[in-house]
Amino acid sequence: MKIYSQRRYRILWYEDAGFLLLIVMSWFDQYHESWRESAVESGAVLVVWLAVHLFTRRLISHLHYLEGFLRVCAWCKKVEHENSWVPLEQFLETSLDTKATHGMCPACAAQFKAGLKS
């Protein structure tokens, strides 16, 4: 899980490297006549970098949250697992190494008993 999370944040490293390259290029640009112009340009790049970095980090966190949801079919209750739809019992056994058994919750049991009495 930790390795997967590190891969997810790799885009931030690419962004950081790109903005660092822009700052370095601004200092070696022959257009500027003084170091003050390069400093102002670097400051502007840093402000943009900070906004982009924070926005991207927020998007990645939100994506991580959304990917954590388990997709269940609303009709047959199968679960999406590794690009295929499998019964819940099979998902529990293969993914979580948990055996499943069947039972009846108290609310369904009460409804079933009420149906028998009528």
N, C-alpha and C. Protein backbone atom coordinates (compact mmCIF):
# COMPACT_ATOMS: atom_id res chain seq x y z
N MET A 1 0.83 -1.20 0.00
CA MET A 1 0.00 0.00 0.00
C MET A 1 0.86 1.25 0.00
N LYS A 2 1.97 1.21 0.77
CA LYS A 2 2.84 2.38 0.85
C LYS A 2 3.52 2.66 -0.49
N ILE A 3 3.93 1.59 -1.20
CA ILE A 3 4.56 1.77 -2.51
C ILE A 3 3.57 2.39 -3.47
N TYR A 4 2.33 1.91 -3.46
CA TYR A 4 1.29 2.46 -4.33
C TYR A 4 1.08 3.93 -4.04
N SER A 5 1.11 4.30 -2.78
CA SER A 5 0.92 5.70 -2.40
C SER A 5 2.09 6.56 -2.89
N GLN A 6 3.31 6.01 -2.86
CA GLN A 6 4.47 6.75 -3.34
C GLN A 6 4.37 6.99 -4.84
N ARG A 7 3.88 6.01 -5.59
CA ARG A 7 3.69 6.17 -7.02
C ARG A 7 2.69 7.27 -7.30
N ARG A 8 1.67 7.33 -6.48
CA ARG A 8 0.61 8.30 -6.67
C ARG A 8 1.14 9.73 -6.55
N TYR A 9 2.09 9.95 -5.68
CA TYR A 9 2.61 11.30 -5.45
C TYR A 9 3.81 11.62 -6.36
N ARG A 10 4.16 10.72 -7.26
CA ARG A 10 5.28 10.96 -8.17
C ARG A 10 5.04 12.20 -9.03
N ILE A 11 3.80 12.46 -9.37
CA ILE A 11 3.50 13.64 -10.19
C ILE A 11 3.94 14.93 -9.49
N LEU A 12 3.89 14.96 -8.18
CA LEU A 12 4.35 16.15 -7.46
C LEU A 12 5.85 16.35 -7.65
N TRP A 13 6.61 15.27 -7.69
CA TRP A 13 8.04 15.38 -7.93
C TRP A 13 8.30 15.95 -9.32
N TYR A 14 7.54 15.49 -10.31
CA TYR A 14 7.70 16.01 -11.68
C TYR A 14 7.37 17.50 -11.73
N GLU A 15 6.30 17.90 -11.06
CA GLU A 15 5.95 19.32 -11.02
C GLU A 15 7.05 20.14 -10.36
N ASP A 16 7.53 19.65 -9.21
CA ASP A 16 8.58 20.37 -8.49
C ASP A 16 9.83 20.52 -9.34
N ALA A 17 10.21 19.45 -10.03
CA ALA A 17 11.40 19.52 -10.89
C ALA A 17 11.18 20.52 -12.03
N GLY A 18 10.00 20.55 -12.60
CA GLY A 18 9.72 21.49 -13.68
C GLY A 18 9.80 22.93 -13.21
N PHE A 19 9.23 23.22 -12.05
CA PHE A 19 9.28 24.59 -11.54
C PHE A 19 10.70 24.97 -11.13
N LEU A 20 11.46 24.03 -10.60
CA LEU A 20 12.86 24.31 -10.27
C LEU A 20 13.64 24.63 -11.53
N LEU A 21 13.37 23.89 -12.60
CA LEU A 21 14.03 24.16 -13.88
C LEU A 21 13.68 25.57 -14.38
N LEU A 22 12.42 25.98 -14.22
CA LEU A 22 12.04 27.34 -14.63
C LEU A 22 12.80 28.40 -13.83
N ILE A 23 12.98 28.16 -12.55
CA ILE A 23 13.71 29.12 -11.71
C ILE A 23 15.17 29.19 -12.13
N VAL A 24 15.78 28.03 -12.35
CA VAL A 24 17.18 28.01 -12.79
C VAL A 24 17.34 28.71 -14.13
N MET A 25 16.42 28.45 -15.03
CA MET A 25 16.47 29.10 -16.35
C MET A 25 16.32 30.61 -16.23
N SER A 26 15.50 31.06 -15.29
CA SER A 26 15.33 32.51 -15.15
C SER A 26 16.60 33.18 -14.65
N TRP A 27 17.43 32.48 -13.88
CA TRP A 27 18.67 33.06 -13.39
C TRP A 27 19.76 33.08 -14.46
N PHE A 28 19.67 32.16 -15.42
CA PHE A 28 20.68 32.12 -16.48
C PHE A 28 20.22 32.81 -17.76
N ASP A 29 19.04 33.41 -17.71
CA ASP A 29 18.50 34.10 -18.88
C ASP A 29 19.30 35.38 -19.11
N GLN A 30 19.75 35.59 -20.34
CA GLN A 30 20.55 36.77 -20.67
C GLN A 30 19.69 38.03 -20.79
N TYR A 31 18.39 37.89 -20.82
CA TYR A 31 17.48 39.02 -21.00
C TYR A 31 17.51 39.97 -19.80
N HIS A 32 17.65 39.40 -18.60
CA HIS A 32 17.62 40.22 -17.39
C HIS A 32 18.91 41.01 -17.24
N GLU A 33 18.76 42.24 -16.86
CA GLU A 33 19.93 43.09 -16.70
C GLU A 33 20.43 43.11 -15.26
N SER A 34 19.63 42.65 -14.30
CA SER A 34 20.09 42.65 -12.92
C SER A 34 19.55 41.41 -12.20
N TRP A 35 20.15 41.13 -11.05
CA TRP A 35 19.71 40.00 -10.27
C TRP A 35 18.33 40.24 -9.68
N ARG A 36 17.92 41.51 -9.54
CA ARG A 36 16.61 41.83 -8.99
C ARG A 36 15.48 41.33 -9.91
N GLU A 37 15.71 41.49 -11.21
CA GLU A 37 14.70 41.01 -12.16
C GLU A 37 14.56 39.49 -12.07
N SER A 38 15.69 38.80 -11.95
CA SER A 38 15.65 37.35 -11.81
C SER A 38 14.98 36.95 -10.50
N ALA A 39 15.24 37.71 -9.44
CA ALA A 39 14.63 37.40 -8.14
C ALA A 39 13.12 37.60 -8.19
N VAL A 40 12.67 38.67 -8.83
CA VAL A 40 11.23 38.92 -8.95
C VAL A 40 10.57 37.82 -9.78
N GLU A 41 11.22 37.45 -10.88
CA GLU A 41 10.68 36.38 -11.72
C GLU A 41 10.65 35.06 -10.96
N SER A 42 11.70 34.77 -10.20
CA SER A 42 11.74 33.55 -9.39
C SER A 42 10.64 33.56 -8.33
N GLY A 43 10.40 34.71 -7.74
CA GLY A 43 9.32 34.82 -6.75
C GLY A 43 7.97 34.55 -7.37
N ALA A 44 7.75 35.08 -8.57
CA ALA A 44 6.48 34.82 -9.26
C ALA A 44 6.32 33.34 -9.57
N VAL A 45 7.40 32.70 -10.01
CA VAL A 45 7.35 31.26 -10.31
C VAL A 45 7.07 30.48 -9.03
N LEU A 46 7.66 30.87 -7.91
CA LEU A 46 7.43 30.19 -6.63
C LEU A 46 5.98 30.30 -6.18
N VAL A 47 5.37 31.46 -6.39
CA VAL A 47 3.96 31.64 -6.02
C VAL A 47 3.07 30.72 -6.85
N VAL A 48 3.34 30.67 -8.17
CA VAL A 48 2.57 29.79 -9.04
C VAL A 48 2.82 28.34 -8.65
N TRP A 49 4.08 27.98 -8.38
CA TRP A 49 4.41 26.61 -7.98
C TRP A 49 3.64 26.21 -6.73
N LEU A 50 3.59 27.09 -5.73
CA LEU A 50 2.90 26.77 -4.49
C LEU A 50 1.42 26.50 -4.74
N ALA A 51 0.79 27.34 -5.54
CA ALA A 51 -0.63 27.14 -5.84
C ALA A 51 -0.85 25.83 -6.58
N VAL A 52 -0.04 25.55 -7.59
CA VAL A 52 -0.18 24.31 -8.36
C VAL A 52 0.10 23.10 -7.48
N HIS A 53 1.14 23.17 -6.65
CA HIS A 53 1.50 22.07 -5.77
C HIS A 53 0.36 21.73 -4.80
N LEU A 54 -0.17 22.75 -4.16
CA LEU A 54 -1.25 22.51 -3.19
C LEU A 54 -2.51 21.97 -3.87
N PHE A 55 -2.84 22.51 -5.03
CA PHE A 55 -4.02 22.05 -5.77
C PHE A 55 -3.85 20.60 -6.21
N THR A 56 -2.68 20.27 -6.74
CA THR A 56 -2.42 18.89 -7.18
C THR A 56 -2.44 17.92 -6.01
N ARG A 57 -1.86 18.32 -4.89
CA ARG A 57 -1.86 17.45 -3.70
C ARG A 57 -3.29 17.20 -3.22
N ARG A 58 -4.12 18.23 -3.27
CA ARG A 58 -5.52 18.08 -2.87
C ARG A 58 -6.26 17.13 -3.82
N LEU A 59 -6.01 17.27 -5.12
CA LEU A 59 -6.64 16.38 -6.10
C LEU A 59 -6.21 14.93 -5.91
N ILE A 60 -4.93 14.71 -5.66
CA ILE A 60 -4.43 13.36 -5.45
C ILE A 60 -5.05 12.76 -4.19
N SER A 61 -5.15 13.54 -3.13
CA SER A 61 -5.78 13.04 -1.90
C SER A 61 -7.24 12.68 -2.13
N HIS A 62 -7.93 13.51 -2.88
CA HIS A 62 -9.34 13.24 -3.17
C HIS A 62 -9.47 11.99 -4.04
N LEU A 63 -8.59 11.84 -5.00
CA LEU A 63 -8.59 10.65 -5.85
C LEU A 63 -8.33 9.40 -5.02
N HIS A 64 -7.38 9.48 -4.11
CA HIS A 64 -7.09 8.35 -3.22
C HIS A 64 -8.31 7.99 -2.39
N TYR A 65 -9.02 8.97 -1.89
CA TYR A 65 -10.24 8.74 -1.11
C TYR A 65 -11.30 8.05 -1.96
N LEU A 66 -11.52 8.54 -3.17
CA LEU A 66 -12.55 7.97 -4.03
C LEU A 66 -12.21 6.56 -4.49
N GLU A 67 -10.93 6.29 -4.74
CA GLU A 67 -10.54 4.95 -5.16
C GLU A 67 -10.68 3.94 -4.04
N GLY A 68 -10.79 4.42 -2.82
CA GLY A 68 -10.95 3.52 -1.68
C GLY A 68 -12.33 2.92 -1.56
N PHE A 69 -13.29 3.42 -2.33
CA PHE A 69 -14.64 2.89 -2.26
C PHE A 69 -14.71 1.53 -2.95
N LEU A 70 -15.48 0.65 -2.39
CA LEU A 70 -15.73 -0.66 -2.98
C LEU A 70 -16.98 -0.55 -3.84
N ARG A 71 -16.86 -0.88 -5.14
CA ARG A 71 -18.02 -0.78 -6.04
C ARG A 71 -18.83 -2.05 -5.94
N VAL A 72 -20.11 -1.87 -5.61
CA VAL A 72 -21.04 -2.99 -5.47
C VAL A 72 -22.20 -2.75 -6.42
N CYS A 73 -22.56 -3.80 -7.18
CA CYS A 73 -23.70 -3.69 -8.09
C CYS A 73 -24.97 -3.48 -7.28
N ALA A 74 -25.76 -2.51 -7.67
CA ALA A 74 -26.98 -2.18 -6.94
C ALA A 74 -28.06 -3.26 -7.13
N TRP A 75 -27.93 -4.10 -8.15
CA TRP A 75 -28.96 -5.11 -8.41
C TRP A 75 -28.58 -6.48 -7.88
N CYS A 76 -27.41 -6.97 -8.27
CA CYS A 76 -27.06 -8.35 -7.89
C CYS A 76 -26.08 -8.42 -6.73
N LYS A 77 -25.57 -7.27 -6.27
CA LYS A 77 -24.65 -7.16 -5.14
C LYS A 77 -23.27 -7.78 -5.41
N LYS A 78 -22.90 -7.96 -6.70
CA LYS A 78 -21.55 -8.40 -6.99
C LYS A 78 -20.60 -7.23 -6.77
N VAL A 79 -19.32 -7.56 -6.54
CA VAL A 79 -18.30 -6.58 -6.21
C VAL A 79 -17.29 -6.50 -7.35
N GLU A 80 -16.90 -5.28 -7.73
CA GLU A 80 -15.88 -5.13 -8.76
C GLU A 80 -14.51 -5.34 -8.12
N HIS A 81 -13.80 -6.33 -8.67
CA HIS A 81 -12.48 -6.67 -8.13
C HIS A 81 -11.56 -7.02 -9.29
N GLU A 82 -10.48 -6.26 -9.44
CA GLU A 82 -9.50 -6.48 -10.50
C GLU A 82 -10.17 -6.56 -11.88
N ASN A 83 -10.98 -5.57 -12.17
CA ASN A 83 -11.65 -5.41 -13.47
C ASN A 83 -12.63 -6.52 -13.82
N SER A 84 -13.17 -7.20 -12.83
CA SER A 84 -14.24 -8.16 -13.08
C SER A 84 -15.21 -8.10 -11.90
N TRP A 85 -16.42 -8.54 -12.16
CA TRP A 85 -17.47 -8.52 -11.14
C TRP A 85 -17.61 -9.92 -10.56
N VAL A 86 -17.39 -10.02 -9.26
CA VAL A 86 -17.43 -11.32 -8.57
C VAL A 86 -18.44 -11.27 -7.44
N PRO A 87 -19.00 -12.43 -7.06
CA PRO A 87 -19.91 -12.45 -5.91
C PRO A 87 -19.18 -11.98 -4.64
N LEU A 88 -19.92 -11.41 -3.74
CA LEU A 88 -19.34 -10.87 -2.51
C LEU A 88 -18.55 -11.93 -1.75
N GLU A 89 -19.09 -13.14 -1.68
CA GLU A 89 -18.41 -14.22 -0.96
C GLU A 89 -17.05 -14.52 -1.57
N GLN A 90 -16.97 -14.53 -2.89
CA GLN A 90 -15.70 -14.79 -3.57
C GLN A 90 -14.73 -13.65 -3.31
N PHE A 91 -15.21 -12.41 -3.33
CA PHE A 91 -14.36 -11.26 -3.04
C PHE A 91 -13.77 -11.35 -1.64
N LEU A 92 -14.60 -11.69 -0.66
CA LEU A 92 -14.11 -11.80 0.71
C LEU A 92 -13.05 -12.88 0.83
N GLU A 93 -13.26 -13.98 0.13
CA GLU A 93 -12.32 -15.09 0.23
C GLU A 93 -11.00 -14.79 -0.47
N THR A 94 -11.05 -14.20 -1.67
CA THR A 94 -9.82 -13.95 -2.43
C THR A 94 -9.07 -12.71 -1.95
N SER A 95 -9.77 -11.65 -1.62
CA SER A 95 -9.11 -10.40 -1.26
C SER A 95 -8.75 -10.31 0.21
N LEU A 96 -9.64 -10.75 1.05
CA LEU A 96 -9.44 -10.57 2.48
C LEU A 96 -9.12 -11.86 3.21
N ASP A 97 -9.03 -12.97 2.45
CA ASP A 97 -8.77 -14.29 3.03
C ASP A 97 -9.74 -14.59 4.17
N THR A 98 -11.01 -14.28 3.91
CA THR A 98 -12.06 -14.48 4.90
C THR A 98 -13.14 -15.37 4.31
N LYS A 99 -13.52 -16.38 5.04
CA LYS A 99 -14.60 -17.25 4.60
C LYS A 99 -15.92 -16.59 4.98
N ALA A 100 -16.94 -16.80 4.14
CA ALA A 100 -18.24 -16.19 4.38
C ALA A 100 -19.26 -17.29 4.69
N THR A 101 -20.19 -16.95 5.53
CA THR A 101 -21.32 -17.82 5.81
C THR A 101 -22.57 -16.96 5.75
N HIS A 102 -23.69 -17.58 5.66
CA HIS A 102 -24.92 -16.81 5.52
C HIS A 102 -25.72 -16.84 6.81
N GLY A 103 -26.42 -15.79 7.06
CA GLY A 103 -27.26 -15.66 8.23
C GLY A 103 -28.35 -14.65 7.92
N MET A 104 -29.08 -14.25 8.94
CA MET A 104 -30.15 -13.28 8.75
C MET A 104 -30.05 -12.23 9.85
N CYS A 105 -30.06 -10.97 9.44
CA CYS A 105 -29.97 -9.89 10.42
C CYS A 105 -31.31 -9.81 11.17
N PRO A 106 -31.32 -9.19 12.33
CA PRO A 106 -32.55 -9.10 13.13
C PRO A 106 -33.71 -8.42 12.40
N ALA A 107 -33.44 -7.38 11.63
CA ALA A 107 -34.52 -6.67 10.92
C ALA A 107 -35.14 -7.57 9.86
N CYS A 108 -34.32 -8.30 9.11
CA CYS A 108 -34.85 -9.21 8.09
C CYS A 108 -35.57 -10.39 8.74
N ALA A 109 -35.04 -10.86 9.87
CA ALA A 109 -35.70 -11.97 10.58
C ALA A 109 -37.09 -11.54 11.06
N ALA A 110 -37.20 -10.33 11.58
CA ALA A 110 -38.50 -9.84 12.04
C ALA A 110 -39.46 -9.70 10.86
N GLN A 111 -38.98 -9.20 9.74
CA GLN A 111 -39.82 -9.05 8.55
C GLN A 111 -40.24 -10.42 8.02
N PHE A 112 -39.32 -11.39 8.07
CA PHE A 112 -39.64 -12.74 7.60
C PHE A 112 -40.71 -13.38 8.50
N LYS A 113 -40.55 -13.22 9.80
CA LYS A 113 -41.52 -13.78 10.75
C LYS A 113 -42.89 -13.13 10.58
N ALA A 114 -42.90 -11.82 10.34
CA ALA A 114 -44.16 -11.11 10.12
C ALA A 114 -44.83 -11.63 8.85
N GLY A 115 -44.04 -11.95 7.83
CA GLY A 115 -44.60 -12.50 6.59
C GLY A 115 -45.17 -13.89 6.78
N LEU A 116 -44.60 -14.66 7.70
CA LEU A 116 -45.11 -16.02 7.97
C LEU A 116 -46.45 -15.96 8.72
N LYS A 117 -46.62 -14.97 9.57
CA LYS A 117 -47.84 -14.86 10.38
C LYS A 117 -49.02 -14.42 9.51
N SER A 118 -48.77 -13.73 8.41
CA SER A 118 -49.89 -13.23 7.63
C SER A 118 -50.40 -14.23 6.62
